[in-house]
N, C-alpha and C. Protein backbone atom coordinates (compact mmCIF):
# COMPACT_ATOMS: atom_id res chain seq x y z
N MET A 1 35.38 38.68 -94.81
CA MET A 1 35.37 37.46 -94.70
C MET A 1 36.86 37.28 -94.33
N GLU A 2 37.74 38.02 -94.13
CA GLU A 2 39.02 37.48 -93.93
C GLU A 2 39.03 36.75 -92.55
N ASN A 3 38.49 36.73 -91.46
CA ASN A 3 38.50 36.24 -90.58
C ASN A 3 37.87 34.79 -90.60
N LEU A 4 37.49 34.55 -91.65
CA LEU A 4 37.17 32.76 -92.27
C LEU A 4 38.05 32.37 -92.97
N LYS A 5 39.12 33.37 -93.01
CA LYS A 5 39.88 32.07 -94.38
C LYS A 5 40.62 31.30 -93.44
N GLY A 6 41.12 29.80 -94.36
CA GLY A 6 41.38 29.20 -93.14
C GLY A 6 40.82 28.20 -92.45
N LYS A 7 39.36 28.28 -92.24
CA LYS A 7 38.54 27.97 -91.08
C LYS A 7 37.69 26.76 -92.01
N ASP A 8 37.22 25.75 -91.36
CA ASP A 8 36.02 24.38 -91.66
C ASP A 8 35.47 24.84 -91.86
N ALA A 9 34.11 25.44 -93.31
CA ALA A 9 32.79 25.16 -93.33
C ALA A 9 31.87 23.75 -93.43
N VAL A 10 30.64 24.25 -93.18
CA VAL A 10 29.77 22.87 -93.29
C VAL A 10 28.59 23.72 -94.34
N PHE A 11 28.22 22.90 -95.59
CA PHE A 11 27.52 23.95 -96.28
C PHE A 11 26.62 22.89 -96.64
N LYS A 12 25.05 23.10 -96.46
CA LYS A 12 24.13 22.64 -95.99
C LYS A 12 22.84 22.84 -97.23
N VAL A 13 22.75 21.97 -98.36
CA VAL A 13 22.11 22.19 -99.98
C VAL A 13 21.30 20.10 -99.80
N VAL A 14 20.18 21.01 -100.51
CA VAL A 14 18.63 20.42 -100.87
C VAL A 14 19.11 19.34 -102.59
N VAL A 15 19.04 18.49 -102.26
CA VAL A 15 19.30 18.00 -103.55
C VAL A 15 18.05 17.82 -104.32
N LYS A 16 17.31 18.83 -105.09
CA LYS A 16 16.30 18.82 -105.44
C LYS A 16 16.13 17.61 -107.07
N GLU A 17 16.91 17.50 -108.24
CA GLU A 17 16.99 16.41 -109.51
C GLU A 17 18.77 15.84 -109.31
N ILE A 18 18.41 14.53 -109.66
CA ILE A 18 19.25 13.61 -110.12
C ILE A 18 19.53 13.75 -111.65
N LYS A 19 20.33 13.18 -112.39
CA LYS A 19 20.23 13.01 -114.07
C LYS A 19 21.56 11.37 -113.83
N ALA A 20 20.86 11.47 -114.78
CA ALA A 20 21.71 10.50 -115.17
C ALA A 20 21.68 9.86 -116.78
N ARG A 21 22.84 9.92 -117.04
CA ARG A 21 22.52 9.01 -118.72
C ARG A 21 22.48 8.09 -118.92
N ILE A 22 21.55 7.52 -119.47
CA ILE A 22 21.25 6.24 -119.59
C ILE A 22 20.81 6.08 -121.80
N LEU A 23 22.49 5.40 -122.27
CA LEU A 23 22.60 4.72 -123.30
C LEU A 23 21.66 3.78 -123.66
N PRO A 24 21.33 4.11 -125.01
CA PRO A 24 20.46 2.88 -125.24
C PRO A 24 21.21 1.30 -125.78
N GLU A 25 19.84 0.54 -125.91
CA GLU A 25 20.65 -0.77 -125.45
C GLU A 25 21.26 -0.94 -127.44
N VAL A 26 22.45 -1.31 -127.58
CA VAL A 26 22.28 -1.42 -129.21
C VAL A 26 21.97 -3.14 -129.54
N ASP A 27 20.55 -2.60 -129.92
CA ASP A 27 20.20 -4.00 -130.22
C ASP A 27 19.02 -3.89 -131.54
N GLY A 28 18.49 -4.47 -131.83
CA GLY A 28 17.32 -3.98 -133.76
C GLY A 28 16.56 -2.75 -133.47
N GLU A 29 16.17 -2.34 -132.45
CA GLU A 29 15.25 -1.53 -132.54
C GLU A 29 16.05 0.05 -132.68
N PHE A 30 17.23 0.15 -131.84
CA PHE A 30 18.09 0.54 -131.77
C PHE A 30 18.87 1.00 -133.22
N PHE A 31 19.31 0.23 -133.91
CA PHE A 31 19.95 0.10 -135.75
C PHE A 31 17.98 0.64 -136.05
N LYS A 32 17.25 0.50 -136.25
CA LYS A 32 16.03 0.89 -136.91
C LYS A 32 15.76 2.25 -136.01
N ASP A 33 15.92 2.39 -135.39
CA ASP A 33 16.00 4.33 -135.06
C ASP A 33 17.34 4.53 -135.71
N LEU A 34 17.98 3.78 -135.76
CA LEU A 34 19.64 5.15 -137.16
C LEU A 34 19.30 4.90 -138.39
N GLY A 35 17.95 4.39 -138.63
CA GLY A 35 17.14 3.89 -140.29
C GLY A 35 17.53 2.46 -140.91
N TYR A 36 18.39 1.63 -140.11
CA TYR A 36 19.13 0.37 -140.27
C TYR A 36 17.96 -0.37 -140.86
N ASP A 37 17.09 -1.17 -141.24
CA ASP A 37 16.16 -1.58 -140.88
C ASP A 37 16.89 -3.37 -141.00
N ASP A 38 18.02 -3.39 -142.23
CA ASP A 38 18.02 -4.60 -142.50
C ASP A 38 20.21 -5.12 -141.58
N ILE A 39 20.79 -4.21 -140.54
CA ILE A 39 21.25 -4.65 -139.65
C ILE A 39 20.87 -5.00 -138.27
N LYS A 40 21.23 -6.27 -137.62
CA LYS A 40 21.22 -6.78 -136.67
C LYS A 40 21.89 -7.10 -135.48
N THR A 41 23.20 -6.54 -136.25
CA THR A 41 24.40 -6.85 -135.25
C THR A 41 24.86 -5.13 -135.10
N LYS A 42 26.25 -5.01 -134.07
CA LYS A 42 26.79 -4.01 -133.83
C LYS A 42 28.16 -4.20 -134.53
N ALA A 43 28.37 -5.33 -135.22
CA ALA A 43 29.26 -5.43 -135.86
C ALA A 43 28.98 -5.32 -137.23
N GLU A 44 27.64 -5.84 -137.71
CA GLU A 44 27.13 -5.04 -138.86
C GLU A 44 26.77 -3.41 -139.10
N LEU A 45 26.53 -2.83 -137.78
CA LEU A 45 26.81 -1.11 -137.91
C LEU A 45 28.38 -0.59 -138.09
N GLU A 46 29.43 -1.03 -137.65
CA GLU A 46 29.86 -0.69 -137.50
C GLU A 46 30.55 -1.17 -139.43
N LYS A 47 30.53 -2.01 -140.09
CA LYS A 47 31.12 -1.75 -140.98
C LYS A 47 30.15 -1.29 -141.99
N LYS A 48 28.45 -0.92 -141.50
CA LYS A 48 28.42 -0.11 -142.22
C LYS A 48 28.45 1.23 -142.74
N ILE A 49 28.65 2.11 -141.08
CA ILE A 49 29.18 3.07 -140.58
C ILE A 49 30.62 3.21 -141.90
N GLU A 50 31.40 2.40 -141.69
CA GLU A 50 32.86 2.47 -142.41
C GLU A 50 32.73 2.72 -143.59
N GLU A 51 30.78 2.06 -144.46
CA GLU A 51 31.40 1.75 -145.89
C GLU A 51 30.82 3.30 -146.34
N HIS A 52 29.52 3.59 -145.17
CA HIS A 52 29.01 4.81 -145.12
C HIS A 52 30.05 6.26 -145.36
N LEU A 53 31.17 5.86 -144.12
CA LEU A 53 31.92 7.25 -144.80
C LEU A 53 33.23 6.53 -145.91
N LEU A 54 33.65 5.87 -146.52
CA LEU A 54 34.41 5.61 -147.14
C LEU A 54 33.60 6.08 -148.35
N GLU A 55 32.17 6.19 -148.36
CA GLU A 55 31.28 6.62 -149.46
C GLU A 55 31.57 8.01 -149.61
N HIS A 56 31.16 8.37 -148.55
CA HIS A 56 32.03 10.34 -148.29
C HIS A 56 33.34 10.53 -149.15
N LYS A 57 34.13 9.84 -147.97
CA LYS A 57 35.28 10.24 -148.53
C LYS A 57 35.97 10.11 -150.06
N THR A 58 35.00 9.09 -150.56
CA THR A 58 35.16 8.20 -151.94
C THR A 58 34.80 10.23 -152.83
N GLU A 59 33.84 10.17 -152.64
CA GLU A 59 32.21 11.17 -153.23
C GLU A 59 33.39 12.54 -153.34
N ASP A 60 33.16 12.93 -151.80
CA ASP A 60 34.40 13.99 -151.79
C ASP A 60 35.46 14.09 -152.99
N ALA A 61 36.79 12.86 -152.63
CA ALA A 61 37.79 13.52 -153.45
C ALA A 61 37.49 13.14 -154.84
N GLU A 62 36.39 12.76 -155.58
CA GLU A 62 35.64 13.35 -156.91
C GLU A 62 35.61 14.49 -157.32
N ASN A 63 34.34 14.77 -156.29
CA ASN A 63 34.20 16.28 -156.62
C ASN A 63 35.24 17.17 -155.99
N LYS A 64 36.36 17.53 -155.70
CA LYS A 64 37.65 18.00 -155.70
C LYS A 64 38.16 17.74 -157.10
N TYR A 65 38.15 16.70 -157.13
CA TYR A 65 39.13 15.89 -158.88
C TYR A 65 37.81 17.12 -160.03
N ILE A 66 37.12 17.04 -160.17
CA ILE A 66 35.98 17.12 -161.08
C ILE A 66 35.77 18.39 -160.90
N ASP A 67 36.12 18.78 -159.33
CA ASP A 67 36.17 20.78 -159.52
C ASP A 67 37.47 21.30 -160.53
N SER A 68 38.85 20.70 -160.00
CA SER A 68 39.78 20.92 -160.35
C SER A 68 40.09 21.06 -161.77
N LEU A 69 38.85 20.18 -162.17
CA LEU A 69 39.64 19.92 -164.37
C LEU A 69 38.22 20.92 -164.71
N ILE A 70 37.08 21.04 -164.33
CA ILE A 70 36.88 22.33 -164.57
C ILE A 70 37.53 23.37 -164.46
N GLU A 71 38.09 24.02 -163.74
CA GLU A 71 38.78 24.94 -163.24
C GLU A 71 40.04 24.96 -164.16
N ALA A 72 40.55 24.22 -164.16
CA ALA A 72 41.42 24.10 -165.58
C ALA A 72 40.77 24.53 -166.88
N GLY A 73 39.87 23.80 -167.31
CA GLY A 73 39.29 23.83 -168.43
C GLY A 73 39.11 25.25 -168.89
N ILE A 74 38.17 26.38 -167.29
CA ILE A 74 37.82 27.49 -167.10
C ILE A 74 39.03 28.83 -168.03
N GLU A 75 40.00 28.15 -167.08
CA GLU A 75 41.41 29.34 -167.32
C GLU A 75 41.90 29.51 -168.31
N LYS A 76 41.21 27.85 -169.67
CA LYS A 76 42.29 27.62 -171.06
C LYS A 76 41.46 28.36 -171.70
N MET A 77 40.09 29.03 -171.36
CA MET A 77 38.97 29.08 -172.08
C MET A 77 39.33 30.85 -172.02
N THR A 78 38.53 31.29 -173.26
CA THR A 78 38.40 32.76 -174.19
C THR A 78 37.28 33.16 -174.03
N VAL A 79 36.55 33.63 -173.29
CA VAL A 79 35.10 34.32 -173.04
C VAL A 79 34.43 35.82 -172.62
N GLU A 80 34.32 36.03 -173.26
CA GLU A 80 33.78 36.86 -172.56
C GLU A 80 32.60 37.58 -171.79
N VAL A 81 31.63 37.44 -171.01
CA VAL A 81 30.70 37.66 -169.95
C VAL A 81 30.44 38.68 -169.55
N ASN A 82 28.99 39.75 -170.25
CA ASN A 82 29.14 40.56 -169.68
C ASN A 82 27.88 40.59 -168.94
N ASP A 83 27.88 41.57 -168.63
CA ASP A 83 27.38 42.06 -166.92
C ASP A 83 25.77 41.88 -166.93
N GLU A 84 25.21 41.53 -167.77
CA GLU A 84 23.90 41.25 -167.17
C GLU A 84 23.49 39.93 -167.22
N ILE A 85 24.63 38.87 -167.81
CA ILE A 85 24.31 37.42 -167.65
C ILE A 85 25.06 37.23 -166.23
N VAL A 86 26.24 38.42 -165.50
CA VAL A 86 26.63 38.04 -164.34
C VAL A 86 25.54 38.79 -163.25
N ASP A 87 24.64 39.29 -163.79
CA ASP A 87 23.24 40.16 -163.01
C ASP A 87 22.54 38.65 -162.59
N GLU A 88 22.28 38.01 -163.54
CA GLU A 88 20.69 37.17 -164.12
C GLU A 88 21.65 36.08 -162.92
N GLU A 89 22.52 35.40 -163.43
CA GLU A 89 23.27 34.45 -162.79
C GLU A 89 23.51 35.24 -161.04
N VAL A 90 23.69 36.40 -160.53
CA VAL A 90 23.35 36.40 -159.03
C VAL A 90 21.64 36.74 -158.93
N HIS A 91 20.97 37.07 -159.39
CA HIS A 91 20.13 37.17 -158.89
C HIS A 91 19.74 35.25 -159.05
N ARG A 92 19.58 34.37 -159.55
CA ARG A 92 19.36 33.22 -159.61
C ARG A 92 19.73 32.69 -158.48
N MET A 93 20.75 32.94 -157.79
CA MET A 93 21.55 33.07 -156.57
C MET A 93 20.74 33.12 -155.48
N ILE A 94 20.19 34.32 -155.36
CA ILE A 94 19.88 35.09 -154.10
C ILE A 94 18.65 34.40 -153.84
N HIS A 95 17.87 34.00 -155.23
CA HIS A 95 16.21 33.16 -155.18
C HIS A 95 16.55 32.12 -154.71
N ASP A 96 17.68 30.91 -155.39
CA ASP A 96 18.05 30.27 -154.88
C ASP A 96 18.46 29.84 -153.39
N LEU A 97 19.10 31.09 -152.53
CA LEU A 97 19.57 30.95 -151.07
C LEU A 97 17.95 31.20 -150.38
N SER A 98 17.18 32.21 -150.75
CA SER A 98 16.22 32.93 -150.40
C SER A 98 15.11 31.52 -150.19
N HIS A 99 15.22 30.52 -151.06
CA HIS A 99 14.41 29.11 -150.85
C HIS A 99 14.82 28.48 -150.08
N ARG A 100 16.16 28.56 -150.09
CA ARG A 100 16.95 27.60 -148.56
C ARG A 100 16.18 27.53 -147.54
N LEU A 101 16.35 29.32 -147.22
CA LEU A 101 16.15 30.17 -146.27
C LEU A 101 14.82 30.06 -145.41
N GLU A 102 14.03 30.07 -147.03
CA GLU A 102 12.59 29.89 -146.44
C GLU A 102 12.12 28.15 -146.11
N SER A 103 13.07 27.50 -146.57
CA SER A 103 12.17 25.90 -146.26
C SER A 103 12.59 25.95 -144.37
N GLN A 104 13.64 26.48 -144.26
CA GLN A 104 13.74 26.19 -142.37
C GLN A 104 12.89 26.92 -141.80
N GLY A 105 12.19 28.73 -142.79
CA GLY A 105 11.87 29.53 -141.77
C GLY A 105 12.13 30.59 -141.66
N VAL A 106 13.19 31.11 -142.08
CA VAL A 106 14.29 32.16 -141.99
C VAL A 106 14.41 32.79 -143.19
N PRO A 107 13.66 34.05 -143.41
CA PRO A 107 13.10 35.18 -144.40
C PRO A 107 14.87 36.01 -144.61
N LEU A 108 14.84 36.57 -145.87
CA LEU A 108 16.21 36.67 -146.72
C LEU A 108 16.68 38.09 -145.97
N GLU A 109 15.42 38.45 -145.85
CA GLU A 109 15.77 39.93 -144.90
C GLU A 109 16.31 40.14 -143.87
N SER A 110 16.02 38.57 -142.62
CA SER A 110 16.88 38.60 -141.56
C SER A 110 18.12 38.11 -141.59
N TYR A 111 18.55 36.92 -142.86
CA TYR A 111 19.52 36.97 -142.76
C TYR A 111 20.26 37.57 -143.05
N LEU A 112 20.33 38.56 -143.57
CA LEU A 112 20.93 39.77 -144.37
C LEU A 112 21.60 40.19 -142.77
N GLU A 113 20.50 40.42 -142.07
CA GLU A 113 20.52 41.19 -141.20
C GLU A 113 21.38 40.86 -139.43
N PHE A 114 21.31 39.54 -139.98
CA PHE A 114 22.72 38.68 -139.34
C PHE A 114 23.36 38.42 -139.22
N THR A 115 23.91 38.40 -141.04
CA THR A 115 24.59 38.29 -141.19
C THR A 115 26.40 40.36 -141.36
N GLY A 116 24.61 40.90 -141.09
CA GLY A 116 25.44 42.61 -141.21
C GLY A 116 25.97 42.80 -142.53
N THR A 117 25.01 42.53 -143.35
CA THR A 117 25.47 43.23 -145.01
C THR A 117 23.94 43.74 -145.67
N THR A 118 23.86 44.33 -145.89
CA THR A 118 23.18 44.96 -147.31
C THR A 118 23.08 43.99 -148.78
N MET A 119 21.34 44.01 -149.39
CA MET A 119 21.21 43.41 -150.45
C MET A 119 21.86 43.83 -151.75
N ASP A 120 22.39 45.15 -151.63
CA ASP A 120 23.44 45.42 -152.39
C ASP A 120 25.02 44.76 -152.07
N ALA A 121 25.18 45.28 -151.31
CA ALA A 121 26.76 44.89 -150.77
C ALA A 121 26.93 43.25 -150.87
N PHE A 122 25.75 42.16 -150.64
CA PHE A 122 25.49 41.09 -150.70
C PHE A 122 25.53 40.31 -152.58
N LYS A 123 25.19 41.53 -153.20
CA LYS A 123 25.10 41.11 -155.37
C LYS A 123 26.62 41.08 -154.94
N GLU A 124 27.27 42.57 -154.39
CA GLU A 124 28.50 42.86 -155.19
C GLU A 124 29.75 41.28 -154.72
N GLN A 125 29.19 40.40 -153.38
CA GLN A 125 30.12 39.58 -153.08
C GLN A 125 29.39 38.69 -153.93
N ALA A 126 27.94 38.16 -154.18
CA ALA A 126 28.05 37.00 -154.82
C ALA A 126 28.78 36.64 -156.19
N LYS A 127 29.59 38.04 -156.86
CA LYS A 127 29.87 38.47 -158.45
C LYS A 127 30.80 37.16 -159.25
N PRO A 128 31.79 37.43 -158.43
CA PRO A 128 33.26 36.65 -158.86
C PRO A 128 32.21 34.83 -158.59
N GLU A 129 31.75 34.41 -157.54
CA GLU A 129 31.11 32.86 -157.36
C GLU A 129 29.92 33.15 -158.91
N ALA A 130 29.23 33.90 -158.78
CA ALA A 130 28.73 34.05 -159.54
C ALA A 130 29.12 34.44 -161.68
N LEU A 131 29.95 34.30 -161.62
CA LEU A 131 30.90 34.14 -163.05
C LEU A 131 31.82 33.08 -162.91
N LYS A 132 32.00 32.34 -161.51
CA LYS A 132 32.89 31.23 -162.14
C LYS A 132 31.15 30.05 -162.25
N ARG A 133 30.35 30.22 -161.65
CA ARG A 133 29.46 29.17 -162.12
C ARG A 133 29.35 29.40 -163.88
N ILE A 134 29.55 30.65 -164.18
CA ILE A 134 28.90 30.41 -165.72
C ILE A 134 29.79 29.82 -166.79
N LYS A 135 30.84 30.38 -165.90
CA LYS A 135 32.01 29.79 -167.44
C LYS A 135 31.94 28.44 -167.25
N SER A 136 31.50 27.69 -165.97
CA SER A 136 32.28 26.32 -165.01
C SER A 136 30.76 25.79 -166.64
N ARG A 137 29.75 26.54 -166.64
CA ARG A 137 28.26 25.97 -167.58
C ARG A 137 29.06 26.12 -169.27
N TYR A 138 29.54 27.74 -169.02
CA TYR A 138 30.11 27.12 -170.62
C TYR A 138 31.32 26.89 -170.93
N PHE A 139 32.04 25.62 -169.95
CA PHE A 139 32.75 25.09 -170.56
C PHE A 139 32.09 23.12 -170.77
N LEU A 140 31.39 23.39 -169.64
CA LEU A 140 30.90 21.83 -169.71
C LEU A 140 29.69 21.49 -170.63
N ASP A 141 29.18 23.04 -171.28
CA ASP A 141 28.66 22.98 -172.26
C ASP A 141 29.37 22.86 -174.17
N ALA A 142 30.72 23.14 -173.44
CA ALA A 142 31.34 22.67 -174.87
C ALA A 142 31.72 21.17 -174.77
N VAL A 143 31.88 20.23 -173.72
CA VAL A 143 32.14 18.99 -173.64
C VAL A 143 31.15 18.37 -173.90
N VAL A 144 29.19 18.63 -173.50
CA VAL A 144 28.53 17.82 -173.83
C VAL A 144 28.55 18.31 -175.33
N GLU A 145 28.46 19.14 -176.22
CA GLU A 145 28.88 19.50 -177.67
C GLU A 145 30.14 18.44 -178.16
N ASN A 146 31.33 19.00 -177.93
CA ASN A 146 32.61 18.09 -178.20
C ASN A 146 32.03 16.83 -178.48
N GLU A 147 31.25 15.56 -176.90
CA GLU A 147 31.03 14.46 -177.10
C GLU A 147 29.86 13.80 -177.04
N LYS A 148 29.83 15.08 -178.26
CA LYS A 148 27.97 14.88 -179.07
C LYS A 148 27.05 13.82 -178.00
N LEU A 149 26.86 14.82 -176.69
CA LEU A 149 26.18 14.21 -175.58
C LEU A 149 24.65 13.53 -175.79
N THR A 150 24.15 13.25 -175.54
CA THR A 150 22.08 13.35 -175.79
C THR A 150 21.57 12.62 -174.74
N ALA A 151 20.31 12.41 -174.52
CA ALA A 151 19.76 12.42 -173.58
C ALA A 151 18.26 12.34 -174.14
N THR A 152 18.14 10.27 -174.07
CA THR A 152 16.22 10.19 -174.28
C THR A 152 15.47 10.28 -173.28
N ASP A 153 14.35 10.58 -173.92
CA ASP A 153 13.33 11.02 -173.23
C ASP A 153 13.13 9.92 -172.15
N GLU A 154 13.01 8.96 -171.98
CA GLU A 154 13.26 8.44 -171.09
C GLU A 154 14.46 8.44 -169.69
N GLU A 155 15.50 8.22 -170.07
CA GLU A 155 16.72 8.89 -169.39
C GLU A 155 16.19 10.34 -168.69
N VAL A 156 15.81 11.30 -169.08
CA VAL A 156 14.76 12.37 -168.91
C VAL A 156 14.11 12.37 -167.99
N MET A 157 13.28 11.53 -167.90
CA MET A 157 12.12 11.34 -166.42
C MET A 157 12.53 10.12 -165.80
N ASN A 158 13.89 9.47 -166.06
CA ASN A 158 14.91 8.67 -165.06
C ASN A 158 15.22 9.84 -163.78
N HIS A 159 15.83 10.62 -164.73
CA HIS A 159 17.07 11.84 -164.41
C HIS A 159 15.49 12.37 -163.46
N ALA A 160 14.74 12.57 -163.62
CA ALA A 160 13.48 13.86 -163.23
C ALA A 160 13.43 12.96 -161.48
N GLU A 161 13.59 11.65 -161.64
CA GLU A 161 12.48 10.89 -160.70
C GLU A 161 14.44 10.39 -159.66
N GLU A 162 14.75 10.46 -159.87
CA GLU A 162 16.44 10.11 -158.95
C GLU A 162 16.17 11.29 -158.20
N GLN A 163 15.94 12.40 -159.30
CA GLN A 163 16.49 14.26 -158.47
C GLN A 163 15.20 14.26 -157.41
N ALA A 164 14.22 13.46 -157.15
CA ALA A 164 12.56 14.11 -156.45
C ALA A 164 13.14 12.86 -155.80
N LYS A 165 13.72 12.03 -155.60
CA LYS A 165 14.26 10.53 -154.51
C LYS A 165 15.08 11.72 -153.27
N LYS A 166 16.48 12.13 -154.63
CA LYS A 166 17.17 12.97 -153.43
C LYS A 166 16.72 13.91 -152.88
N TYR A 167 15.86 14.76 -153.11
CA TYR A 167 15.76 15.99 -152.15
C TYR A 167 14.04 15.92 -151.46
N GLY A 168 13.55 14.32 -151.59
CA GLY A 168 12.27 13.93 -151.02
C GLY A 168 11.29 14.95 -150.95
N VAL A 169 10.97 14.87 -152.59
CA VAL A 169 10.10 15.33 -153.19
C VAL A 169 9.47 14.58 -154.34
N GLU A 170 7.98 14.97 -154.74
CA GLU A 170 7.54 13.89 -155.81
C GLU A 170 8.09 14.98 -156.99
N LYS A 171 8.20 13.86 -158.87
CA LYS A 171 8.40 14.24 -159.20
C LYS A 171 8.42 15.24 -160.27
N GLU A 172 6.90 15.46 -160.07
CA GLU A 172 6.13 16.72 -160.82
C GLU A 172 6.86 18.12 -160.09
N GLU A 173 7.19 17.73 -158.99
CA GLU A 173 7.26 19.24 -158.12
C GLU A 173 8.87 19.25 -158.15
N ILE A 174 9.72 17.96 -158.77
CA ILE A 174 11.14 18.90 -159.11
C ILE A 174 11.08 18.87 -160.37
N ILE A 175 9.79 18.87 -161.19
CA ILE A 175 9.94 19.83 -162.82
C ILE A 175 9.81 20.46 -162.59
N GLU A 176 8.75 21.10 -162.19
CA GLU A 176 8.22 22.30 -161.62
C GLU A 176 9.73 23.46 -160.82
N MET A 177 10.49 22.72 -159.88
CA MET A 177 11.26 23.71 -159.20
C MET A 177 12.45 23.41 -160.24
N TYR A 178 12.96 22.97 -161.19
CA TYR A 178 14.53 22.69 -162.14
C TYR A 178 13.53 24.41 -163.16
N GLY A 179 12.11 23.95 -163.86
CA GLY A 179 11.27 25.14 -164.42
C GLY A 179 11.36 23.91 -165.97
N GLY A 180 10.72 22.65 -166.04
CA GLY A 180 10.31 22.28 -166.91
C GLY A 180 11.19 21.32 -168.02
N MET A 181 10.27 20.17 -168.17
CA MET A 181 11.49 18.87 -168.49
C MET A 181 12.89 19.18 -169.77
N GLU A 182 12.77 20.85 -170.23
CA GLU A 182 13.69 20.56 -171.06
C GLU A 182 15.40 21.54 -170.43
N VAL A 183 14.78 22.17 -169.07
CA VAL A 183 15.41 22.08 -167.68
C VAL A 183 16.16 21.06 -167.16
N VAL A 184 15.51 20.09 -167.10
CA VAL A 184 15.98 18.37 -166.61
C VAL A 184 16.68 17.63 -167.55
N LYS A 185 16.72 17.53 -169.06
CA LYS A 185 17.24 17.63 -169.98
C LYS A 185 18.59 18.10 -169.38
N TYR A 186 18.99 19.67 -169.68
CA TYR A 186 20.03 20.08 -169.82
C TYR A 186 20.57 19.50 -168.76
N ASP A 187 20.06 19.62 -167.50
CA ASP A 187 20.59 19.19 -166.05
C ASP A 187 21.63 17.55 -166.26
N LEU A 188 20.24 17.38 -167.20
CA LEU A 188 21.00 15.34 -167.02
C LEU A 188 22.64 15.09 -167.97
N LEU A 189 22.29 16.27 -169.02
CA LEU A 189 23.39 16.52 -170.09
C LEU A 189 24.98 17.49 -169.54
N ILE A 190 24.27 18.32 -168.52
CA ILE A 190 25.45 18.77 -167.83
C ILE A 190 26.45 17.43 -166.97
N HIS A 191 25.38 16.71 -165.85
CA HIS A 191 25.35 15.56 -165.13
C HIS A 191 26.43 14.78 -166.02
N LYS A 192 26.41 13.98 -167.84
CA LYS A 192 26.66 13.15 -168.25
C LYS A 192 28.07 13.96 -168.72
N ALA A 193 28.19 15.18 -168.73
CA ALA A 193 29.57 16.13 -169.15
C ALA A 193 30.73 15.69 -168.26
N ILE A 194 29.91 15.52 -166.84
CA ILE A 194 30.92 15.48 -165.68
C ILE A 194 31.80 14.03 -165.49
N GLU A 195 30.57 13.13 -165.48
CA GLU A 195 31.20 11.67 -166.09
C GLU A 195 31.71 11.51 -166.67
N VAL A 196 31.77 12.14 -168.06
CA VAL A 196 32.73 12.52 -169.15
C VAL A 196 34.29 12.60 -168.48
N LEU A 197 33.96 13.84 -168.08
CA LEU A 197 35.29 14.58 -167.21
C LEU A 197 36.19 13.83 -166.23
N GLY A 198 35.28 12.74 -165.40
CA GLY A 198 35.78 12.01 -163.80
C GLY A 198 36.08 10.26 -164.75
N GLU A 199 36.31 10.31 -166.22
CA GLU A 199 36.35 9.09 -167.19
C GLU A 199 37.85 9.30 -167.58
C-alpha cells in the first residue's frame, strides 16, 4: 500500500438508490395531519403552537409552585407513618408502573431486568417517594378538612368524564380504574385542595 501513497486513483461505483427529503406542503392537509382542523394558514399554525407552548410552560410553573407549597406544608407537619402504610403505597406504585408498562407491551420483569435491579431493591428505592406521597395526601386531606371542601354528585360525575376524556377511555372504565365513585370523589376533593393552594 506504501507504493500507492500520493498517487491518483479512479473508483467505479454503482448508484443503486437516490433518496431525497421531500417536505410536505404547508397547507390545509398538513394542518389536518397535525390535528388542527380549524387552522387555515401558516401564521395561524405558528400562533397555535406558540399558545400551546406558553400553556405548557404556565402549567409547569404552576405545578412546580404547588409542589413547593405541598413540600413546605409537609415540612411543618408532625405525622407518624408506619411501615405497613409505606409498604402499601410502594405496592400501589409497583401496580401502577406495571399497568403502564403492560400498556406498552413491556412486562415488569423485563423492565427490572433491563434496569439491572431486583424487585426487593426496587421496593427499597421506592420507599422515600412512597413516604412523600403519603405525607402529601395527609397534607391535602388537612386542606380539604380545614377549607370544608365538598363535592356534589354532579361534580363527581363531571370529574369522572373529564378524566375519561383526558386518558381516552370511557367513563365507566375510569370509574373502574379508580376503584369506584367514592375514590373519584376523593380525587376531585384533592384537586379542589390543590386549587385552593394555587390561589
